C-alpha atoms as a PDB file:
ATOM      1  CA  MET A   1    -126.152  36.030 100.541  1.00  0.00           C
ATOM      2  CA  ALA A   2    -125.340  39.056  98.809  1.00  0.00           C
ATOM      3  CA  ASP A   3    -121.835  37.674  98.049  1.00  0.00           C
ATOM      4  CA  LEU A   4    -123.013  34.582  96.828  1.00  0.00           C
ATOM      5  CA  LEU A   5    -125.159  36.478  94.377  1.00  0.00           C
ATOM      6  CA  ASP A   6    -122.410  39.047  93.676  1.00  0.00           C
ATOM      7  CA  GLY A   7    -120.375  36.537  92.646  1.00  0.00           C
ATOM      8  CA  LEU A   8    -122.677  34.540  90.623  1.00  0.00           C
ATOM      9  CA  LEU A   9    -123.245  37.474  88.554  1.00  0.00           C
ATOM     10  CA  ARG A  10    -119.521  38.839  88.336  1.00  0.00           C
ATOM     11  CA  THR A  11    -118.991  35.183  87.638  1.00  0.00           C
ATOM     12  CA  ALA A  12    -121.396  35.803  84.529  1.00  0.00           C
ATOM     13  CA  VAL A  13    -120.430  38.874  82.725  1.00  0.00           C
ATOM     14  CA  ASP A  14    -116.496  38.106  83.294  1.00  0.00           C
ATOM     15  CA  PRO A  15    -114.733  38.373  79.911  1.00  0.00           C
ATOM     16  CA  GLU A  16    -113.035  35.205  80.124  1.00  0.00           C
ATOM     17  CA  VAL A  17    -116.732  33.793  81.346  1.00  0.00           C
ATOM     18  CA  VAL A  18    -118.311  35.225  78.321  1.00  0.00           C
ATOM     19  CA  THR A  19    -115.530  34.623  75.615  1.00  0.00           C
ATOM     20  CA  GLU A  20    -115.740  31.181  76.405  1.00  0.00           C
ATOM     21  CA  ILE A  21    -119.920  30.803  76.045  1.00  0.00           C
ATOM     22  CA  ALA A  22    -119.291  32.553  73.209  1.00  0.00           C
ATOM     23  CA  ARG A  23    -116.662  29.814  71.747  1.00  0.00           C
ATOM     24  CA  ILE A  24    -118.424  27.051  73.308  1.00  0.00           C
ATOM     25  CA  THR A  25    -121.971  28.096  71.164  1.00  0.00           C
ATOM     26  CA  ASP A  26    -119.799  29.378  68.265  1.00  0.00           C
ATOM     27  CA  ILE A  27    -121.444  32.926  68.330  1.00  0.00           C
ATOM     28  CA  ASP A  28    -120.099  36.162  68.655  1.00  0.00           C
ATOM     29  CA  THR A  29    -118.928  37.180  72.335  1.00  0.00           C
ATOM     30  CA  THR A  30    -121.288  40.519  71.743  1.00  0.00           C
ATOM     31  CA  LEU A  31    -124.486  37.911  71.667  1.00  0.00           C
ATOM     32  CA  VAL A  32    -123.819  36.549  74.656  1.00  0.00           C
ATOM     33  CA  THR A  33    -126.095  38.034  77.230  1.00  0.00           C
ATOM     34  CA  GLN A  34    -126.249  39.305  80.354  1.00  0.00           C
ATOM     35  CA  PRO A  35    -128.432  37.297  82.840  1.00  0.00           C
ATOM     36  CA  ARG A  36    -131.737  37.690  82.727  1.00  0.00           C
ATOM     37  CA  GLU A  37    -132.849  35.438  85.799  1.00  0.00           C
ATOM     38  CA  LEU A  38    -131.574  34.034  88.561  1.00  0.00           C
ATOM     39  CA  HIS A  39    -133.785  30.341  89.823  1.00  0.00           C
ATOM     40  CA  LEU A  40    -133.022  29.731  93.321  1.00  0.00           C
ATOM     41  CA  VAL A  41    -134.251  26.474  94.964  1.00  0.00           C
ATOM     42  CA  ALA A  42    -133.146  25.538  98.434  1.00  0.00           C
ATOM     43  CA  ASP A  43    -133.774  22.635 100.377  1.00  0.00           C
ATOM     44  CA  ARG A  44    -135.253  24.510 103.257  1.00  0.00           C
ATOM     45  CA  GLN A  45    -137.224  27.682 104.170  1.00  0.00           C
ATOM     46  CA  VAL A  46    -135.075  30.685 102.871  1.00  0.00           C
ATOM     47  CA  LYS A  47    -135.411  32.524 106.111  1.00  0.00           C
ATOM     48  CA  GLU A  48    -133.325  29.599 107.355  1.00  0.00           C
ATOM     49  CA  LEU A  49    -130.740  30.782 105.041  1.00  0.00           C
ATOM     50  CA  LEU A  50    -130.678  34.261 106.001  1.00  0.00           C
ATOM     51  CA  HIS A  51    -129.015  36.717 108.632  1.00  0.00           C
ATOM     52  CA  PRO A  52    -131.777  36.837 111.152  1.00  0.00           C
ATOM     53  CA  ASP A  53    -130.634  39.602 113.192  1.00  0.00           C
ATOM     54  CA  GLY A  54    -132.848  42.714 111.914  1.00  0.00           C
ATOM     55  CA  LEU A  55    -135.245  40.765 110.394  1.00  0.00           C
ATOM     56  CA  THR A  56    -139.113  40.535 111.407  1.00  0.00           C
ATOM     57  CA  GLU A  57    -141.720  37.591 110.269  1.00  0.00           C
ATOM     58  CA  ILE A  58    -144.459  38.749 109.077  1.00  0.00           C
ATOM     59  CA  PRO A  59    -147.510  36.962 110.345  1.00  0.00           C
ATOM     60  CA  ASP A  60    -149.369  34.137 108.344  1.00  0.00           C
ATOM     61  CA  ALA A  61    -146.938  34.758 105.112  1.00  0.00           C
ATOM     62  CA  GLY A  62    -146.170  31.499 104.691  1.00  0.00           C
ATOM     63  CA  ALA A  63    -143.023  30.106 103.535  1.00  0.00           C
ATOM     64  CA  SER A  64    -140.631  30.239 100.434  1.00  0.00           C
ATOM     65  CA  ALA A  65    -137.984  27.600  99.502  1.00  0.00           C
ATOM     66  CA  GLY A  66    -136.926  29.817  96.560  1.00  0.00           C
ATOM     67  CA  GLY A  67    -138.142  31.544  93.911  1.00  0.00           C
ATOM     68  CA  ILE A  68    -137.471  33.160  89.698  1.00  0.00           C
ATOM     69  CA  PHE A  69    -135.813  36.176  90.007  1.00  0.00           C
ATOM     70  CA  ARG A  70    -135.682  38.239  87.268  1.00  0.00           C
ATOM     71  CA  ALA A  71    -132.707  40.957  86.159  1.00  0.00           C
ATOM     72  CA  ASN A  72    -133.562  44.505  85.459  1.00  0.00           C
ATOM     73  CA  PRO A  73    -132.276  45.194  81.715  1.00  0.00           C
ATOM     74  CA  ALA A  74    -131.290  48.400  82.348  1.00  0.00           C
ATOM     75  CA  LEU A  75    -128.500  47.670  84.823  1.00  0.00           C
ATOM     76  CA  ASP A  76    -125.183  46.686  83.012  1.00  0.00           C
ATOM     77  CA  LEU A  77    -124.107  43.836  85.173  1.00  0.00           C
ATOM     78  CA  ARG A  78    -120.469  44.204  84.632  1.00  0.00           C
ATOM     79  CA  VAL A  79    -120.456  47.727  86.652  1.00  0.00           C
ATOM     80  CA  THR A  80    -120.072  47.130  90.472  1.00  0.00           C
ATOM     81  CA  ALA A  81    -122.724  49.660  90.902  1.00  0.00           C
ATOM     82  CA  GLU A  82    -125.373  48.389  89.080  1.00  0.00           C
ATOM     83  CA  ARG A  83    -124.336  45.213  90.079  1.00  0.00           C
ATOM     84  CA  GLN A  84    -124.974  45.720  93.819  1.00  0.00           C
ATOM     85  CA  GLU A  85    -127.770  47.239  92.682  1.00  0.00           C
ATOM     86  CA  GLN A  86    -129.446  44.240  91.030  1.00  0.00           C
ATOM     87  CA  VAL A  87    -128.362  42.002  94.008  1.00  0.00           C
ATOM     88  CA  ASP A  88    -129.672  44.657  96.787  1.00  0.00           C
ATOM     89  CA  ASP A  89    -132.865  44.651  94.730  1.00  0.00           C
ATOM     90  CA  TRP A  90    -132.870  40.573  94.747  1.00  0.00           C
ATOM     91  CA  LEU A  91    -131.855  40.568  98.606  1.00  0.00           C
ATOM     92  CA  ARG A  92    -135.317  42.600  99.049  1.00  0.00           C
ATOM     93  CA  GLN A  93    -137.533  40.311  97.160  1.00  0.00           C
ATOM     94  CA  LEU A  94    -135.943  37.053  98.795  1.00  0.00           C
ATOM     95  CA  GLY A  95    -136.852  38.480 102.068  1.00  0.00           C
ATOM     96  CA  LEU A  96    -140.624  39.573 101.560  1.00  0.00           C
ATOM     97  CA  ASP A  97    -140.869  36.233  99.419  1.00  0.00           C
ATOM     98  CA  ALA A  98    -139.854  34.493 102.492  1.00  0.00           C
ATOM     99  CA  GLY A  99    -142.298  36.547 104.695  1.00  0.00           C
ATOM    100  CA  LEU A 100    -139.801  38.609 106.242  1.00  0.00           C
ATOM    101  CA  THR A 101    -139.189  42.429 107.101  1.00  0.00           C
ATOM    102  CA  GLY A 102    -136.287  44.662 107.746  1.00  0.00           C
ATOM    103  CA  MET A 103    -134.101  43.733 104.567  1.00  0.00           C
ATOM    104  CA  GLU A 104    -133.771  47.214 103.347  1.00  0.00           C
ATOM    105  CA  ALA A 105    -131.941  47.594 106.653  1.00  0.00           C
ATOM    106  CA  LEU A 106    -129.790  44.892 106.225  1.00  0.00           C
ATOM    107  CA  ILE A 107    -128.915  45.884 103.249  1.00  0.00           C
ATOM    108  CA  GLU A 108    -127.996  49.601 103.814  1.00  0.00           C
ATOM    109  CA  ASP A 109    -126.008  48.478 106.792  1.00  0.00           C
ATOM    110  CA  TYR A 110    -124.125  46.228 104.558  1.00  0.00           C
ATOM    111  CA  ARG A 111    -123.474  48.305 102.209  1.00  0.00           C
ATOM    112  CA  ALA A 112    -122.317  51.100 104.583  1.00  0.00           C
ATOM    113  CA  LYS A 113    -119.664  48.415 106.033  1.00  0.00           C
ATOM    114  CA  THR A 114    -118.654  47.053 102.211  1.00  0.00           C
ATOM    115  CA  THR A 115    -118.926  49.817 100.078  1.00  0.00           C
ATOM    116  CA  PRO A 116    -115.353  51.495  99.680  1.00  0.00           C
ATOM    117  CA  THR A 117    -116.075  55.708  99.922  1.00  0.00           C
ATOM    118  CA  GLY A 118    -114.179  58.536  98.083  1.00  0.00           C
END
């Protein structure tokens, strides 16, 4: 899910995509803003879309089949570290909305394995 969200954001802020959006809408590229929110709608419960290891259901929390995830306007999504921060925030929200705890530890573990050091 982290790779999917990162790919969506990375594509939306890619200079070639921004240039094409500006061309289609006949505006300057500086007027093409970063995505402000992501609407996620699933055909099943979100908890079924997430890797279950490390996640614990919150009793009586209910179910979620998606959500609206607002982007932090202070983050520059063209910068890898800031885009990852946004994705991580959305994943934490996604987990909690789905009635699950443990997402924070999964994110930390994932980033430790995938983020280059140095």
